[in-house]
């Protein structure tokens, strides 16, 4: 079991997320807000019943968004971490890097997303790693991550994504 770094231990002890606005967080604070659920690594599609379904990089209005159980090929499904994190937006052009600047456009993030929750004035959920000594076990055991729920995008026919639509990414558990 990996030991927490001194920096992460200090971040957890400070409870900075309770006093610092997302827009004012430094890089380490911002990155630590991610709960590591990997729901953002699922293929999501928007269907506006007029146009063809498209990726969720741009909202066009009152479309309905659908999550699938199809995960990016670079997702390590046991750890729920990207195996190509530093290069992800180059390797996967429709991968959206969430930043302080684009945070208001978080329509594609699930309601349990820690960035979204803080942005909406809600607290971190009880299963968040920052509230559990930096550990993700409560998140996984609560079923809030994608662990054991996905299929790799290379193993499915992406033309039949509608057969892979799921609702569990929309679950919110405190």
Protein backbone atom coordinates (compact mmCIF):
# COMPACT_ATOMS: atom_id res chain seq x y z
CA UNK A 1 0.00 0.00 0.00
CA UNK A 2 1.42 3.36 -1.04
CA UNK A 3 2.17 5.90 1.65
CA UNK A 4 0.75 9.39 1.22
CA UNK A 5 3.22 12.07 0.25
CA UNK A 6 3.90 14.84 2.74
CA UNK A 7 2.25 17.29 0.34
CA UNK A 8 -0.93 15.21 0.09
CA UNK A 9 -1.06 14.69 3.85
CA UNK A 10 -0.77 18.46 4.34
CA UNK A 11 -3.52 19.11 1.78
CA UNK A 12 -5.85 16.65 3.51
CA UNK A 13 -5.11 18.09 6.95
CA UNK A 14 -5.74 21.65 5.76
CA UNK A 15 -9.27 20.93 4.47
CA UNK A 16 -8.55 23.65 1.90
CA UNK A 17 -11.63 22.75 -0.19
CA UNK A 18 -13.80 24.17 2.59
CA UNK A 19 -12.20 27.63 2.46
CA UNK A 20 -10.60 28.12 -0.95
CA UNK A 21 -12.72 28.72 -4.04
CA UNK A 22 -12.04 26.43 -6.99
CA UNK A 23 -10.92 29.43 -9.03
CA UNK A 24 -8.27 30.24 -6.42
CA UNK A 25 -6.77 26.76 -6.01
CA UNK A 26 -3.19 26.06 -7.02
CA UNK A 27 -2.39 23.09 -9.28
CA UNK A 28 -1.87 20.60 -6.43
CA UNK A 29 -5.11 21.61 -4.74
CA UNK A 30 -7.03 21.48 -8.03
CA UNK A 31 -5.74 18.02 -8.93
CA UNK A 32 -6.52 16.66 -5.45
CA UNK A 33 -10.19 17.64 -5.83
CA UNK A 34 -10.61 14.90 -8.43
CA UNK A 35 -12.16 11.93 -6.66
CA UNK A 36 -10.73 9.48 -9.21
CA UNK A 37 -14.07 7.89 -10.11
CA UNK A 38 -13.17 7.90 -13.85
CA UNK A 39 -16.74 8.62 -14.93
CA UNK A 40 -15.29 11.35 -17.11
CA UNK A 41 -13.47 8.58 -19.02
CA UNK A 42 -16.73 7.04 -20.15
CA UNK A 43 -18.01 7.72 -23.63
CA UNK A 44 -20.91 10.13 -23.44
CA UNK A 45 -23.15 11.15 -26.28
CA UNK A 46 -25.71 13.86 -26.79
CA UNK A 47 -28.90 13.20 -28.69
CA UNK A 48 -30.97 16.23 -29.56
CA UNK A 49 -33.46 14.18 -31.62
CA UNK A 50 -32.69 16.43 -34.57
CA UNK A 51 -29.04 15.95 -35.38
CA UNK A 52 -26.97 12.82 -35.20
CA UNK A 53 -25.55 11.94 -31.79
CA UNK A 54 -22.23 13.69 -31.17
CA UNK A 55 -19.49 13.88 -28.57
CA UNK A 56 -20.04 16.16 -25.61
CA UNK A 57 -17.30 18.70 -26.18
CA UNK A 58 -19.82 21.43 -27.06
CA UNK A 59 -23.32 21.95 -25.67
CA UNK A 60 -25.84 22.98 -28.29
CA UNK A 61 -28.87 23.65 -26.15
CA UNK A 62 -31.47 21.35 -24.61
CA UNK A 63 -30.00 18.07 -25.75
CA UNK A 64 -30.13 14.94 -23.62
CA UNK A 65 -26.80 13.45 -22.61
CA UNK A 66 -26.30 9.71 -22.29
CA UNK A 67 -23.50 7.90 -20.48
CA UNK A 68 -22.30 4.54 -21.72
CA UNK A 69 -20.28 1.84 -20.02
CA UNK A 70 -17.65 2.22 -22.73
CA UNK A 71 -14.36 3.41 -21.25
CA UNK A 72 -11.45 5.08 -22.97
CA UNK A 73 -8.76 2.64 -24.03
CA UNK A 74 -6.27 4.40 -21.75
CA UNK A 75 -8.26 3.87 -18.57
CA UNK A 76 -6.77 1.39 -16.11
CA UNK A 77 -10.05 -0.09 -14.92
CA UNK A 78 -8.80 -1.37 -11.55
CA UNK A 79 -7.16 1.86 -10.38
CA UNK A 80 -9.56 4.12 -12.33
CA UNK A 81 -6.60 6.18 -13.51
CA UNK A 82 -5.55 7.23 -16.98
CA UNK A 83 -2.45 5.40 -18.17
CA UNK A 84 -1.61 8.37 -20.44
CA UNK A 85 -2.69 11.23 -18.18
CA UNK A 86 -0.08 13.77 -19.32
CA UNK A 87 -0.75 13.15 -23.04
CA UNK A 88 -4.46 12.31 -22.86
CA UNK A 89 -5.78 15.31 -24.78
CA UNK A 90 -3.32 14.73 -27.60
CA UNK A 91 -4.01 10.99 -27.82
CA UNK A 92 -7.78 11.42 -27.49
CA UNK A 93 -8.84 14.68 -29.16
CA UNK A 94 -12.34 14.61 -27.60
CA UNK A 95 -10.92 14.15 -24.08
CA UNK A 96 -11.81 17.33 -22.23
CA UNK A 97 -9.31 18.56 -19.67
CA UNK A 98 -11.32 20.16 -16.90
CA UNK A 99 -9.78 23.48 -15.88
CA UNK A 100 -10.71 26.46 -13.76
CA UNK A 101 -11.45 28.33 -16.98
CA UNK A 102 -13.86 25.77 -18.49
CA UNK A 103 -15.44 24.69 -15.19
CA UNK A 104 -18.68 26.61 -15.88
CA UNK A 105 -19.18 24.35 -18.92
CA UNK A 106 -19.37 21.17 -16.83
CA UNK A 107 -22.58 19.89 -18.39
CA UNK A 108 -20.74 16.70 -19.39
CA UNK A 109 -19.62 15.84 -15.86
CA UNK A 110 -21.79 13.53 -13.73
CA UNK A 111 -23.63 14.98 -10.72
CA UNK A 112 -21.25 13.16 -8.34
CA UNK A 113 -18.18 14.92 -9.83
CA UNK A 114 -16.32 16.69 -7.03
CA UNK A 115 -15.50 19.69 -9.20
CA UNK A 116 -19.14 20.01 -10.19
CA UNK A 117 -20.34 19.57 -6.58
CA UNK A 118 -18.00 22.29 -5.24
CA UNK A 119 -18.87 24.57 -8.16
CA UNK A 120 -22.56 24.13 -7.26
CA UNK A 121 -21.88 24.94 -3.60
CA UNK A 122 -22.25 21.35 -2.39
CA UNK A 123 -19.78 19.59 -0.07
CA UNK A 124 -17.53 16.72 -1.03
CA UNK A 125 -19.36 13.41 -0.59
CA UNK A 126 -18.46 11.24 2.42
CA UNK A 127 -16.71 8.70 0.18
CA UNK A 128 -14.30 11.26 -1.35
CA UNK A 129 -10.62 10.30 -0.91
CA UNK A 130 -9.80 13.67 0.67
CA UNK A 131 -12.19 12.76 3.48
CA UNK A 132 -10.74 9.26 3.80
CA UNK A 133 -7.01 9.82 4.29
CA UNK A 134 -6.39 9.96 0.54
CA UNK A 135 -7.76 6.46 -0.01
CA UNK A 136 -10.30 5.53 -2.70
CA UNK A 137 -11.65 2.36 -1.06
CA UNK A 138 -14.86 4.01 0.22
CA UNK A 139 -15.57 5.43 -3.23
CA UNK A 140 -15.11 2.03 -4.85
CA UNK A 141 -17.12 0.15 -2.21
CA UNK A 142 -19.95 2.70 -2.52
CA UNK A 143 -20.06 1.95 -6.25
CA UNK A 144 -19.23 5.54 -7.16
CA UNK A 145 -16.33 4.69 -9.48
CA UNK A 146 -16.30 2.87 -12.80
CA UNK A 147 -14.39 -0.08 -11.33
CA UNK A 148 -15.80 -3.42 -12.61
CA UNK A 149 -18.52 -1.68 -14.63
CA UNK A 150 -16.96 -0.89 -18.00
CA UNK A 151 -15.83 -2.30 -21.29
CA UNK A 152 -12.81 -1.01 -23.22
CA UNK A 153 -13.65 1.02 -26.32
CA UNK A 154 -11.44 -1.27 -28.40
CA UNK A 155 -13.65 -4.25 -27.48
CA UNK A 156 -16.99 -2.87 -28.69
CA UNK A 157 -18.62 -1.73 -31.90
CA UNK A 158 -18.73 2.03 -31.40
CA UNK A 159 -21.45 2.28 -34.05
CA UNK A 160 -23.75 0.54 -31.59
CA UNK A 161 -23.06 2.79 -28.61
CA UNK A 162 -26.78 3.11 -27.92
CA UNK A 163 -26.75 -0.53 -26.80
CA UNK A 164 -24.27 0.45 -24.06
CA UNK A 165 -26.19 3.33 -22.46
CA UNK A 166 -26.24 3.15 -18.65
CA UNK A 167 -27.69 5.29 -15.87
CA UNK A 168 -25.38 4.36 -12.97
CA UNK A 169 -22.94 7.25 -13.65
CA UNK A 170 -25.76 9.60 -12.64
CA UNK A 171 -26.05 8.13 -9.16
CA UNK A 172 -25.19 10.46 -6.33
CA UNK A 173 -24.38 9.10 -2.90
CA UNK A 174 -23.44 11.28 -0.01
